[in-house]
Amino acid sequence: MSSTAEQAVPDQAQAQAQGQDQEPAQRTIRERFESKFPRGLIIRLIAYLFVGHLFAFFVYLLFVLGGQNQ
């Protein structure tokens, strides 16, 4: 039925019989993180969060100061 799956098993058996390990090399946490999220995306996200909070504080300050003048 699935000839590719049947062929993969003997290939792995041959590799193990020859002493070759097919395990992938251990990647560092940073490599795994950057493979999921590009570095530029993280920098933009932090910048937008900082600027967004700064803008929200400015609007809040306008309301507080405007409320004191009444």
Protein backbone atom coordinates (compact mmCIF):
# COMPACT_ATOMS: atom_id res chain seq x y z
CA MET A 1 0.00 0.00 0.00
CA SER A 2 2.50 2.65 1.06
CA SER A 3 5.80 1.63 -0.43
CA THR A 4 7.65 4.70 0.90
CA ALA A 5 6.88 3.81 4.52
CA GLU A 6 7.98 0.23 3.91
CA GLN A 7 11.23 1.40 2.33
CA ALA A 8 12.01 3.78 5.19
CA VAL A 9 12.11 1.03 7.79
CA PRO A 10 14.83 -1.06 6.08
CA ASP A 11 16.88 2.11 5.46
CA GLN A 12 16.81 2.92 9.17
CA ALA A 13 17.66 -0.67 10.04
CA GLN A 14 20.64 -0.57 7.67
CA ALA A 15 21.87 2.73 9.10
CA GLN A 16 21.67 1.39 12.65
CA ALA A 17 23.39 -1.83 11.62
CA GLN A 18 26.23 0.20 10.14
CA GLY A 19 26.50 2.22 13.36
CA GLN A 20 25.20 5.48 11.94
CA ASP A 21 22.84 7.43 14.14
CA GLN A 22 20.29 9.55 12.35
CA GLU A 23 19.34 11.62 15.39
CA PRO A 24 19.38 15.37 14.69
CA ALA A 25 21.96 17.44 16.51
CA GLN A 26 20.71 19.13 19.66
CA ARG A 27 19.80 22.75 18.97
CA THR A 28 20.10 25.49 21.54
CA ILE A 29 17.05 27.20 22.98
CA ARG A 30 17.87 30.36 21.02
CA GLU A 31 18.02 28.45 17.71
CA ARG A 32 14.67 26.78 18.39
CA PHE A 33 13.11 30.12 19.41
CA GLU A 34 14.44 31.96 16.36
CA SER A 35 13.21 29.22 14.06
CA LYS A 36 9.67 29.95 15.28
CA PHE A 37 9.90 33.75 15.56
CA PRO A 38 12.30 35.84 13.47
CA ARG A 39 14.45 38.29 15.41
CA GLY A 40 13.00 41.33 13.61
CA LEU A 41 9.49 40.32 14.65
CA ILE A 42 10.49 40.18 18.31
CA ILE A 43 12.18 43.59 18.13
CA ARG A 44 9.10 45.15 16.47
CA LEU A 45 6.81 43.53 19.01
CA ILE A 46 8.78 44.96 21.94
CA ALA A 47 8.95 48.39 20.29
CA TYR A 48 5.20 48.45 19.55
CA LEU A 49 4.38 47.37 23.09
CA PHE A 50 6.61 50.10 24.53
CA VAL A 51 5.23 52.81 22.21
CA GLY A 52 1.65 51.61 22.78
CA HIS A 53 2.02 51.83 26.55
CA LEU A 54 3.69 55.23 26.26
CA PHE A 55 0.78 56.50 24.13
CA ALA A 56 -1.77 55.04 26.57
CA PHE A 57 0.00 56.81 29.45
CA PHE A 58 -0.09 60.10 27.51
CA VAL A 59 -3.84 59.78 26.86
CA TYR A 60 -4.42 58.87 30.53
CA LEU A 61 -2.38 61.90 31.60
CA LEU A 62 -4.49 64.14 29.34
CA PHE A 63 -7.68 62.88 30.96
CA VAL A 64 -6.30 63.29 34.48
CA LEU A 65 -5.07 66.83 33.84
CA GLY A 66 -8.24 67.72 31.95
CA GLY A 67 -10.39 66.44 34.82
CA GLN A 68 -8.56 68.65 37.35
CA ASN A 69 -9.41 71.84 35.44
CA GLN A 70 -13.17 71.46 35.88
